[in-house]
Amino acid sequence: RHFHYSLAPIMFFPIFLTAITGSLFQVAVIMGKGTDFLWLLDLHRGKFGSINLELVYPLINAFGVLFLAVTGIVMWLQLNKTKRIHR
């Protein structure tokens, strides 16, 4: 539980940024304006101006999501277990 609560606020920004920029870029492509919004694709991939995290950014997001999913499921199962015991 401690690891989940510690990592969740840190992982929120990169996961949220990836989701938003990917969605907005897809909307731009659908509208035929994809080439005007390539900067969104750069952010989506982890390129932040002079800081280029393209090699590790997908790994950070993937491991963060997996870790939060696993610890979240474990916490949920523990909560359900305590609810069943107290009934």
PDB file of N, CA and C in Angstrom:
ATOM      1  N   ARG A   1       0.828  -1.189   0.000  1.00  0.00           N
ATOM      2  CA  ARG A   1       0.000   0.000   0.000  1.00  0.00           C
ATOM      3  C   ARG A   1       0.874   1.256   0.000  1.00  0.00           C
ATOM      4  N   HIS A   2       1.928   1.225   0.794  1.00  0.00           N
ATOM      5  CA  HIS A   2       2.821   2.377   0.873  1.00  0.00           C
ATOM      6  C   HIS A   2       3.476   2.660  -0.486  1.00  0.00           C
ATOM      7  N   PHE A   3       3.919   1.595  -1.177  1.00  0.00           N
ATOM      8  CA  PHE A   3       4.556   1.775  -2.482  1.00  0.00           C
ATOM      9  C   PHE A   3       3.577   2.367  -3.494  1.00  0.00           C
ATOM     10  N   HIS A   4       2.338   1.909  -3.457  1.00  0.00           N
ATOM     11  CA  HIS A   4       1.323   2.402  -4.387  1.00  0.00           C
ATOM     12  C   HIS A   4       1.075   3.895  -4.151  1.00  0.00           C
ATOM     13  N   TYR A   5       0.882   4.266  -2.911  1.00  0.00           N
ATOM     14  CA  TYR A   5       0.609   5.670  -2.595  1.00  0.00           C
ATOM     15  C   TYR A   5       1.814   6.563  -2.857  1.00  0.00           C
ATOM     16  N   SER A   6       3.013   6.000  -2.761  1.00  0.00           N
ATOM     17  CA  SER A   6       4.213   6.789  -3.033  1.00  0.00           C
ATOM     18  C   SER A   6       4.424   6.989  -4.530  1.00  0.00           C
ATOM     19  N   LEU A   7       4.158   5.946  -5.306  1.00  0.00           N
ATOM     20  CA  LEU A   7       4.428   6.013  -6.737  1.00  0.00           C
ATOM     21  C   LEU A   7       3.307   6.676  -7.533  1.00  0.00           C
ATOM     22  N   ALA A   8       2.079   6.570  -7.086  1.00  0.00           N
ATOM     23  CA  ALA A   8       0.938   7.099  -7.847  1.00  0.00           C
ATOM     24  C   ALA A   8       1.074   8.588  -8.177  1.00  0.00           C
ATOM     25  N   PRO A   9       1.400   9.446  -7.232  1.00  0.00           N
ATOM     26  CA  PRO A   9       1.519  10.869  -7.596  1.00  0.00           C
ATOM     27  C   PRO A   9       2.667  11.149  -8.568  1.00  0.00           C
ATOM     28  N   ILE A  10       3.729  10.365  -8.465  1.00  0.00           N
ATOM     29  CA  ILE A  10       4.880  10.555  -9.357  1.00  0.00           C
ATOM     30  C   ILE A  10       4.532  10.106 -10.770  1.00  0.00           C
ATOM     31  N   MET A  11       3.815   8.998 -10.901  1.00  0.00           N
ATOM     32  CA  MET A  11       3.489   8.433 -12.207  1.00  0.00           C
ATOM     33  C   MET A  11       2.300   9.112 -12.876  1.00  0.00           C
ATOM     34  N   PHE A  12       1.541   9.881 -12.133  1.00  0.00           N
ATOM     35  CA  PHE A  12       0.368  10.527 -12.721  1.00  0.00           C
ATOM     36  C   PHE A  12       0.740  11.399 -13.917  1.00  0.00           C
ATOM     37  N   PHE A  13       1.741  12.252 -13.760  1.00  0.00           N
ATOM     38  CA  PHE A  13       2.074  13.207 -14.821  1.00  0.00           C
ATOM     39  C   PHE A  13       2.494  12.531 -16.123  1.00  0.00           C
ATOM     40  N   PRO A  14       3.470  11.609 -16.113  1.00  0.00           N
ATOM     41  CA  PRO A  14       3.854  11.019 -17.405  1.00  0.00           C
ATOM     42  C   PRO A  14       2.737  10.193 -18.046  1.00  0.00           C
ATOM     43  N   ILE A  15       1.962   9.477 -17.255  1.00  0.00           N
ATOM     44  CA  ILE A  15       0.874   8.675 -17.819  1.00  0.00           C
ATOM     45  C   ILE A  15      -0.217   9.585 -18.382  1.00  0.00           C
ATOM     46  N   PHE A  16      -0.574  10.621 -17.635  1.00  0.00           N
ATOM     47  CA  PHE A  16      -1.593  11.572 -18.086  1.00  0.00           C
ATOM     48  C   PHE A  16      -1.129  12.299 -19.348  1.00  0.00           C
ATOM     49  N   LEU A  17       0.126  12.742 -19.355  1.00  0.00           N
ATOM     50  CA  LEU A  17       0.675  13.449 -20.510  1.00  0.00           C
ATOM     51  C   LEU A  17       0.670  12.552 -21.747  1.00  0.00           C
ATOM     52  N   THR A  18       1.037  11.305 -21.583  1.00  0.00           N
ATOM     53  CA  THR A  18       1.042  10.364 -22.701  1.00  0.00           C
ATOM     54  C   THR A  18      -0.363  10.154 -23.250  1.00  0.00           C
ATOM     55  N   ALA A  19      -1.321   9.983 -22.360  1.00  0.00           N
ATOM     56  CA  ALA A  19      -2.707   9.762 -22.796  1.00  0.00           C
ATOM     57  C   ALA A  19      -3.273  10.986 -23.513  1.00  0.00           C
ATOM     58  N   ILE A  20      -3.069  12.153 -22.943  1.00  0.00           N
ATOM     59  CA  ILE A  20      -3.622  13.385 -23.527  1.00  0.00           C
ATOM     60  C   ILE A  20      -2.972  13.709 -24.867  1.00  0.00           C
ATOM     61  N   THR A  21      -1.638  13.666 -24.927  1.00  0.00           N
ATOM     62  CA  THR A  21      -0.963  14.024 -26.181  1.00  0.00           C
ATOM     63  C   THR A  21      -1.255  13.002 -27.276  1.00  0.00           C
ATOM     64  N   GLY A  22      -1.347  11.726 -26.929  1.00  0.00           N
ATOM     65  CA  GLY A  22      -1.691  10.710 -27.923  1.00  0.00           C
ATOM     66  C   GLY A  22      -3.091  10.906 -28.464  1.00  0.00           C
ATOM     67  N   SER A  23      -4.027  11.205 -27.587  1.00  0.00           N
ATOM     68  CA  SER A  23      -5.415  11.429 -28.006  1.00  0.00           C
ATOM     69  C   SER A  23      -5.543  12.683 -28.860  1.00  0.00           C
ATOM     70  N   LEU A  24      -4.919  13.764 -28.419  1.00  0.00           N
ATOM     71  CA  LEU A  24      -5.002  15.012 -29.183  1.00  0.00           C
ATOM     72  C   LEU A  24      -4.334  14.887 -30.546  1.00  0.00           C
ATOM     73  N   PHE A  25      -3.209  14.170 -30.610  1.00  0.00           N
ATOM     74  CA  PHE A  25      -2.554  13.978 -31.902  1.00  0.00           C
ATOM     75  C   PHE A  25      -3.439  13.151 -32.827  1.00  0.00           C
ATOM     76  N   GLN A  26      -4.101  12.147 -32.291  1.00  0.00           N
ATOM     77  CA  GLN A  26      -4.994  11.331 -33.115  1.00  0.00           C
ATOM     78  C   GLN A  26      -6.154  12.164 -33.658  1.00  0.00           C
ATOM     79  N   VAL A  27      -6.684  13.060 -32.848  1.00  0.00           N
ATOM     80  CA  VAL A  27      -7.745  13.956 -33.315  1.00  0.00           C
ATOM     81  C   VAL A  27      -7.207  14.844 -34.441  1.00  0.00           C
ATOM     82  N   ALA A  28      -5.977  15.353 -34.287  1.00  0.00           N
ATOM     83  CA  ALA A  28      -5.369  16.191 -35.322  1.00  0.00           C
ATOM     84  C   ALA A  28      -5.200  15.403 -36.618  1.00  0.00           C
ATOM     85  N   VAL A  29      -4.804  14.144 -36.523  1.00  0.00           N
ATOM     86  CA  VAL A  29      -4.638  13.303 -37.714  1.00  0.00           C
ATOM     87  C   VAL A  29      -5.986  13.085 -38.393  1.00  0.00           C
ATOM     88  N   ILE A  30      -7.016  12.807 -37.612  1.00  0.00           N
ATOM     89  CA  ILE A  30      -8.354  12.593 -38.168  1.00  0.00           C
ATOM     90  C   ILE A  30      -8.843  13.845 -38.897  1.00  0.00           C
ATOM     91  N   MET A  31      -8.493  15.009 -38.366  1.00  0.00           N
ATOM     92  CA  MET A  31      -8.908  16.263 -38.985  1.00  0.00           C
ATOM     93  C   MET A  31      -7.991  16.666 -40.144  1.00  0.00           C
ATOM     94  N   GLY A  32      -6.993  15.846 -40.429  1.00  0.00           N
ATOM     95  CA  GLY A  32      -6.078  16.141 -41.536  1.00  0.00           C
ATOM     96  C   GLY A  32      -5.026  17.176 -41.207  1.00  0.00           C
ATOM     97  N   LYS A  33      -4.779  17.415 -39.936  1.00  0.00           N
ATOM     98  CA  LYS A  33      -3.819  18.444 -39.526  1.00  0.00           C
ATOM     99  C   LYS A  33      -2.647  17.838 -38.744  1.00  0.00           C
ATOM    100  N   GLY A  34      -2.391  16.561 -38.931  1.00  0.00           N
ATOM    101  CA  GLY A  34      -1.353  15.870 -38.170  1.00  0.00           C
ATOM    102  C   GLY A  34       0.013  16.510 -38.271  1.00  0.00           C
ATOM    103  N   THR A  35       0.378  16.981 -39.471  1.00  0.00           N
ATOM    104  CA  THR A  35       1.709  17.579 -39.651  1.00  0.00           C
ATOM    105  C   THR A  35       1.866  18.890 -38.878  1.00  0.00           C
ATOM    106  N   ASP A  36       0.749  19.559 -38.586  1.00  0.00           N
ATOM    107  CA  ASP A  36       0.813  20.802 -37.805  1.00  0.00           C
ATOM    108  C   ASP A  36       1.019  20.539 -36.316  1.00  0.00           C
ATOM    109  N   PHE A  37       0.789  19.311 -35.890  1.00  0.00           N
ATOM    110  CA  PHE A  37       0.843  18.993 -34.467  1.00  0.00           C
ATOM    111  C   PHE A  37       1.857  17.903 -34.147  1.00  0.00           C
ATOM    112  N   LEU A  38       2.946  17.865 -34.882  1.00  0.00           N
ATOM    113  CA  LEU A  38       3.995  16.884 -34.621  1.00  0.00           C
ATOM    114  C   LEU A  38       4.650  17.107 -33.257  1.00  0.00           C
ATOM    115  N   TRP A  39       4.573  18.327 -32.742  1.00  0.00           N
ATOM    116  CA  TRP A  39       5.118  18.605 -31.418  1.00  0.00           C
ATOM    117  C   TRP A  39       4.379  17.799 -30.352  1.00  0.00           C
ATOM    118  N   LEU A  40       3.085  17.509 -30.571  1.00  0.00           N
ATOM    119  CA  LEU A  40       2.352  16.650 -29.640  1.00  0.00           C
ATOM    120  C   LEU A  40       2.928  15.238 -29.642  1.00  0.00           C
ATOM    121  N   LEU A  41       3.297  14.771 -30.821  1.00  0.00           N
ATOM    122  CA  LEU A  41       3.887  13.446 -30.941  1.00  0.00           C
ATOM    123  C   LEU A  41       5.242  13.395 -30.238  1.00  0.00           C
ATOM    124  N   ASP A  42       6.002  14.477 -30.325  1.00  0.00           N
ATOM    125  CA  ASP A  42       7.277  14.542 -29.604  1.00  0.00           C
ATOM    126  C   ASP A  42       7.050  14.422 -28.096  1.00  0.00           C
ATOM    127  N   LEU A  43       6.090  15.174 -27.568  1.00  0.00           N
ATOM    128  CA  LEU A  43       5.777  15.071 -26.133  1.00  0.00           C
ATOM    129  C   LEU A  43       5.297  13.667 -25.775  1.00  0.00           C
ATOM    130  N   HIS A  44       4.483  13.106 -26.637  1.00  0.00           N
ATOM    131  CA  HIS A  44       3.939  11.769 -26.413  1.00  0.00           C
ATOM    132  C   HIS A  44       5.053  10.729 -26.301  1.00  0.00           C
ATOM    133  N   ARG A  45       6.086  10.908 -27.062  1.00  0.00           N
ATOM    134  CA  ARG A  45       7.203   9.955 -27.082  1.00  0.00           C
ATOM    135  C   ARG A  45       8.262  10.242 -26.024  1.00  0.00           C
ATOM    136  N   GLY A  46       8.186  11.380 -25.355  1.00  0.00           N
ATOM    137  CA  GLY A  46       9.140  11.686 -24.295  1.00  0.00           C
ATOM    138  C   GLY A  46      10.239  12.642 -24.678  1.00  0.00           C
ATOM    139  N   LYS A  47      10.001  13.419 -25.717  1.00  0.00           N
ATOM    140  CA  LYS A  47      10.996  14.418 -26.116  1.00  0.00           C
ATOM    141  C   LYS A  47      10.515  15.777 -25.630  1.00  0.00           C
ATOM    142  N   PHE A  48      11.221  16.320 -24.632  1.00  0.00           N
ATOM    143  CA  PHE A  48      10.825  17.572 -23.994  1.00  0.00           C
ATOM    144  C   PHE A  48      11.888  18.628 -24.267  1.00  0.00           C
ATOM    145  N   GLY A  49      11.869  19.170 -25.459  1.00  0.00           N
ATOM    146  CA  GLY A  49      12.858  20.176 -25.839  1.00  0.00           C
ATOM    147  C   GLY A  49      14.242  19.559 -25.888  1.00  0.00           C
ATOM    148  N   SER A  50      15.153  20.095 -25.088  1.00  0.00           N
ATOM    149  CA  SER A  50      16.526  19.573 -25.094  1.00  0.00           C
ATOM    150  C   SER A  50      16.648  18.273 -24.291  1.00  0.00           C
ATOM    151  N   ILE A  51      15.617  17.938 -23.526  1.00  0.00           N
ATOM    152  CA  ILE A  51      15.615  16.686 -22.753  1.00  0.00           C
ATOM    153  C   ILE A  51      14.941  15.611 -23.595  1.00  0.00           C
ATOM    154  N   ASN A  52      15.712  14.616 -23.992  1.00  0.00           N
ATOM    155  CA  ASN A  52      15.195  13.558 -24.848  1.00  0.00           C
ATOM    156  C   ASN A  52      15.161  12.244 -24.060  1.00  0.00           C
ATOM    157  N   LEU A  53      13.968  11.823 -23.670  1.00  0.00           N
ATOM    158  CA  LEU A  53      13.782  10.586 -22.918  1.00  0.00           C
ATOM    159  C   LEU A  53      13.127   9.495 -23.761  1.00  0.00           C
ATOM    160  N   GLU A  54      13.206   9.627 -25.084  1.00  0.00           N
ATOM    161  CA  GLU A  54      12.496   8.705 -25.973  1.00  0.00           C
ATOM    162  C   GLU A  54      12.867   7.242 -25.745  1.00  0.00           C
ATOM    163  N   LEU A  55      14.076   6.964 -25.306  1.00  0.00           N
ATOM    164  CA  LEU A  55      14.483   5.573 -25.087  1.00  0.00           C
ATOM    165  C   LEU A  55      13.898   4.989 -23.798  1.00  0.00           C
ATOM    166  N   VAL A  56      13.747   5.813 -22.778  1.00  0.00           N
ATOM    167  CA  VAL A  56      13.296   5.284 -21.482  1.00  0.00           C
ATOM    168  C   VAL A  56      11.860   5.648 -21.134  1.00  0.00           C
ATOM    169  N   TYR A  57      11.306   6.651 -21.777  1.00  0.00           N
ATOM    170  CA  TYR A  57       9.956   7.131 -21.438  1.00  0.00           C
ATOM    171  C   TYR A  57       8.884   6.053 -21.580  1.00  0.00           C
ATOM    172  N   PRO A  58       8.889   5.276 -22.661  1.00  0.00           N
ATOM    173  CA  PRO A  58       7.885   4.197 -22.752  1.00  0.00           C
ATOM    174  C   PRO A  58       8.053   3.156 -21.642  1.00  0.00           C
ATOM    175  N   LEU A  59       9.286   2.869 -21.270  1.00  0.00           N
ATOM    176  CA  LEU A  59       9.534   1.907 -20.198  1.00  0.00           C
ATOM    177  C   LEU A  59       9.058   2.445 -18.852  1.00  0.00           C
ATOM    178  N   ILE A  60       9.311   3.722 -18.616  1.00  0.00           N
ATOM    179  CA  ILE A  60       8.856   4.347 -17.376  1.00  0.00           C
ATOM    180  C   ILE A  60       7.333   4.260 -17.287  1.00  0.00           C
ATOM    181  N   ASN A  61       6.658   4.612 -18.369  1.00  0.00           N
ATOM    182  CA  ASN A  61       5.194   4.550 -18.384  1.00  0.00           C
ATOM    183  C   ASN A  61       4.695   3.117 -18.227  1.00  0.00           C
ATOM    184  N   ALA A  62       5.288   2.184 -18.952  1.00  0.00           N
ATOM    185  CA  ALA A  62       4.830   0.794 -18.903  1.00  0.00           C
ATOM    186  C   ALA A  62       5.022   0.192 -17.518  1.00  0.00           C
ATOM    187  N   PHE A  63       6.215   0.332 -16.959  1.00  0.00           N
ATOM    188  CA  PHE A  63       6.456  -0.235 -15.637  1.00  0.00           C
ATOM    189  C   PHE A  63       5.632   0.479 -14.572  1.00  0.00           C
ATOM    190  N   GLY A  64       5.444   1.784 -14.732  1.00  0.00           N
ATOM    191  CA  GLY A  64       4.617   2.524 -13.778  1.00  0.00           C
ATOM    192  C   GLY A  64       3.174   2.059 -13.785  1.00  0.00           C
ATOM    193  N   VAL A  65       2.608   1.910 -14.980  1.00  0.00           N
ATOM    194  CA  VAL A  65       1.219   1.451 -15.094  1.00  0.00           C
ATOM    195  C   VAL A  65       1.079   0.028 -14.557  1.00  0.00           C
ATOM    196  N   LEU A  66       2.000  -0.852 -14.927  1.00  0.00           N
ATOM    197  CA  LEU A  66       1.934  -2.241 -14.445  1.00  0.00           C
ATOM    198  C   LEU A  66       2.070  -2.308 -12.923  1.00  0.00           C
ATOM    199  N   PHE A  67       3.016  -1.552 -12.378  1.00  0.00           N
ATOM    200  CA  PHE A  67       3.211  -1.558 -10.933  1.00  0.00           C
ATOM    201  C   PHE A  67       1.977  -1.034 -10.211  1.00  0.00           C
ATOM    202  N   LEU A  68       1.425   0.056 -10.701  1.00  0.00           N
ATOM    203  CA  LEU A  68       0.231   0.619 -10.068  1.00  0.00           C
ATOM    204  C   LEU A  68      -0.972  -0.307 -10.221  1.00  0.00           C
ATOM    205  N   ALA A  69      -1.082  -0.977 -11.359  1.00  0.00           N
ATOM    206  CA  ALA A  69      -2.187  -1.913 -11.557  1.00  0.00           C
ATOM    207  C   ALA A  69      -2.066  -3.098 -10.597  1.00  0.00           C
ATOM    208  N   VAL A  70      -0.881  -3.667 -10.494  1.00  0.00           N
ATOM    209  CA  VAL A  70      -0.694  -4.824  -9.617  1.00  0.00           C
ATOM    210  C   VAL A  70      -0.903  -4.445  -8.157  1.00  0.00           C
ATOM    211  N   THR A  71      -0.298  -3.357  -7.711  1.00  0.00           N
ATOM    212  CA  THR A  71      -0.471  -2.960  -6.307  1.00  0.00           C
ATOM    213  C   THR A  71      -1.905  -2.527  -6.035  1.00  0.00           C
ATOM    214  N   GLY A  72      -2.564  -1.920  -7.016  1.00  0.00           N
ATOM    215  CA  GLY A  72      -3.970  -1.544  -6.846  1.00  0.00           C
ATOM    216  C   GLY A  72      -4.863  -2.764  -6.713  1.00  0.00           C
ATOM    217  N   ILE A  73      -4.616  -3.782  -7.528  1.00  0.00           N
ATOM    218  CA  ILE A  73      -5.408  -5.012  -7.440  1.00  0.00           C
ATOM    219  C   ILE A  73      -5.165  -5.708  -6.111  1.00  0.00           C
ATOM    220  N   VAL A  74      -3.911  -5.747  -5.668  1.00  0.00           N
ATOM    221  CA  VAL A  74      -3.601  -6.356  -4.369  1.00  0.00           C
ATOM    222  C   VAL A  74      -4.328  -5.620  -3.246  1.00  0.00           C
ATOM    223  N   MET A  75      -4.317  -4.298  -3.275  1.00  0.00           N
ATOM    224  CA  MET A  75      -5.030  -3.525  -2.239  1.00  0.00           C
ATOM    225  C   MET A  75      -6.528  -3.793  -2.307  1.00  0.00           C
ATOM    226  N   TRP A  76      -7.080  -3.874  -3.510  1.00  0.00           N
ATOM    227  CA  TRP A  76      -8.511  -4.134  -3.674  1.00  0.00           C
ATOM    228  C   TRP A  76      -8.881  -5.510  -3.131  1.00  0.00           C
ATOM    229  N   LEU A  77      -8.044  -6.501  -3.431  1.00  0.00           N
ATOM    230  CA  LEU A  77      -8.306  -7.852  -2.927  1.00  0.00           C
ATOM    231  C   LEU A  77      -8.226  -7.893  -1.403  1.00  0.00           C
ATOM    232  N   GLN A  78      -7.280  -7.165  -0.829  1.00  0.00           N
ATOM    233  CA  GLN A  78      -7.165  -7.119   0.632  1.00  0.00           C
ATOM    234  C   GLN A  78      -8.373  -6.430   1.244  1.00  0.00           C
ATOM    235  N   LEU A  79      -8.872  -5.383   0.605  1.00  0.00           N
ATOM    236  CA  LEU A  79     -10.044  -4.669   1.106  1.00  0.00           C
ATOM    237  C   LEU A  79     -11.267  -5.571   1.055  1.00  0.00           C
ATOM    238  N   ASN A  80     -11.441  -6.290  -0.054  1.00  0.00           N
ATOM    239  CA  ASN A  80     -12.566  -7.213  -0.170  1.00  0.00           C
ATOM    240  C   ASN A  80     -12.468  -8.347   0.844  1.00  0.00           C
ATOM    241  N   LYS A  81     -11.254  -8.786   1.118  1.00  0.00           N
ATOM    242  CA  LYS A  81     -11.045  -9.864   2.098  1.00  0.00           C
ATOM    243  C   LYS A  81     -11.455  -9.404   3.490  1.00  0.00           C
ATOM    244  N   THR A  82     -11.102  -8.176   3.865  1.00  0.00           N
ATOM    245  CA  THR A  82     -11.474  -7.662   5.186  1.00  0.00           C
ATOM    246  C   THR A  82     -12.972  -7.408   5.275  1.00  0.00           C
ATOM    247  N   LYS A  83     -13.605  -7.025   4.167  1.00  0.00           N
ATOM    248  CA  LYS A  83     -15.053  -6.827   4.173  1.00  0.00           C
ATOM    249  C   LYS A  83     -15.779  -8.143   4.406  1.00  0.00           C
ATOM    250  N   ARG A  84     -15.285  -9.227   3.785  1.00  0.00           N
ATOM    251  CA  ARG A  84     -15.906 -10.547   3.941  1.00  0.00           C
ATOM    252  C   ARG A  84     -15.746 -11.066   5.374  1.00  0.00           C
ATOM    253  N   ILE A  85     -14.614 -10.768   5.990  1.00  0.00           N
ATOM    254  CA  ILE A  85     -14.363 -11.231   7.355  1.00  0.00           C
ATOM    255  C   ILE A  85     -15.293 -10.531   8.347  1.00  0.00           C
ATOM    256  N   HIS A  86     -15.573  -9.243   8.136  1.00  0.00           N
ATOM    257  CA  HIS A  86     -16.375  -8.457   9.067  1.00  0.00           C
ATOM    258  C   HIS A  86     -17.865  -8.600   8.865  1.00  0.00           C
ATOM    259  N   ARG A  87     -18.286  -9.392   7.930  1.00  0.00           N
ATOM    260  CA  ARG A  87     -19.737  -9.553   7.695  1.00  0.00           C
ATOM    261  C   ARG A  87     -20.335 -10.519   8.664  1.00  0.00           C
TER     262      ARG A  87
END
